[in-house]
Amino acid sequence: MNGSSAVPYCSENDVNATDYSVWIQVTQCWMWMLTCVGSLGNLITIMVILHQLYIGHVQRRRPWTFRQRNGSLFPVEKPVLPFEGHTLLLLHLSFCDLLYSAVNFPLTIIAYGYAVDGATEELDRLCPVAAFLRYTNALAEWLTLGLLAFQRCVDLGRWRGTRFFKPAATGFLIGGVWVVSVIFQVIPFFVSSEGYGYCGRNLRCDIINDNLRDLFFTLQSCVPLILMVSGSIGILCHLRKSVDSEAAMIVPESSKRRLVKSSVIVFTLMLLFLVCVIPICIHNVFLSDTVDSARVPTGIVLYMIYWLQYAVNFILYTVVSANFRSAYRRFFGLFLHACRSPGCRKVKHPSSIYNVPERIRYSKDSTCTPNDDFADNQLPCHATDSRETHTRY
């Protein structure tokens, strides 16, 4: 490890950045692409989730009202992303990805440019801020991934009223994630006179103290990994019980499928963490003593893979989760007519959003169909791809 070296890693002979100018230029182009994709994609994802939360807020306050669009009345639909703990954690994960893509990527690109130009004064001013923000953001992201897996393990199969990760508790935990992340990254400022700065050995703004850098890539990366692995094992146990136990005889097959699908996104994010994060931890802790000609290009390639996760997490949501695809369609349907469901029809019964006829009531197990007494006046929901929000699983 770096901490066992007689000479601190970042105080050894610096690498000449111009010798790796081609690698740096390729990395900068890669990061600009990730900046554009990650910033735009995560911003849209945040807006999509907030839109769903707003739909849920309206539906809870006025469940039997209608809304008006283009002179026609449509029932207020139910959200496909309910106001629950896992939705808030995914919202926070998108916020962390947006922050990394929109702030930390550009700062790293600028630092690489200063390194090639030999602008040491600019690096001395930029690197303490850039490294602190990057490490704080990364730890907050990793802890959120761990909490997401742990949340699915703890709350899977519980009724909504008995879940541990209720919205208020989840919000408190999200605040605690940032408190812990900031505290851990403030430590280098007090422990060492050179907490953060430019590390000429790896051409990045980094933690200068070897022991603190090893601490980050070992302990601070292992905590979310332990949460993800234990959460995934717990999810597998729940899935096995739902298939093998006697209680499985009374659980509908559709509920079992939802149980599996709702957990796939957790396994996918954990796999992405193992592929993107663990290699850079191994590189920083165990491969720092290799020759520069092999270490620098290898580090650049591994970091290019690592940075990819901040720009593809929102894509995984869409690919894996049918509810997210439905939420995206609903959101874009606000602006694009082609994204709206063709099945919607106007409400024939005269009413307004504040004056709904007493006769119209929705059945208990349908999101948008009136009771049989009014079969001639059936009102299809605004989006035919909407799914029932279940109180369990």
Foldseek 3Di string as FASTA:
>chain_A
DQQPDPDHLLPPDFDQLQVCVVLLVVLLVLLVVLLVLLQVLLVVLLVLLVVLAVLQVVCVVQVAFWDDDPRFTFHSFHALQYQFLLSVLVSVLSVLLNCCSNPLSVLFSVLSVCSNVVVQVVQQVRLVVSALVVQLSVLLNLQSLLVNLLQCLQAAFPFQVPRPRGNVNSVVVSVVSSVVSNVLSCVLVVPDVCQWGQRSLQSGTYGRGLVSRLCCLPVSNVVSLVSLVVSVVSLVVVLVCCPPPPVVVVDDPVVSVVSVLVCPLSVVVSVLCVQQRNVLSCLSNPVSPDDSVPSRSVNSVSNSSNSVCSSCSSVSCCVRDLSSVVSSLVVCVVPDVVSWAPPFDGQPDDDHRVGDDPPFDCDDPDRQFTDPVVPVRTGDHRHPSRDDDDSHD
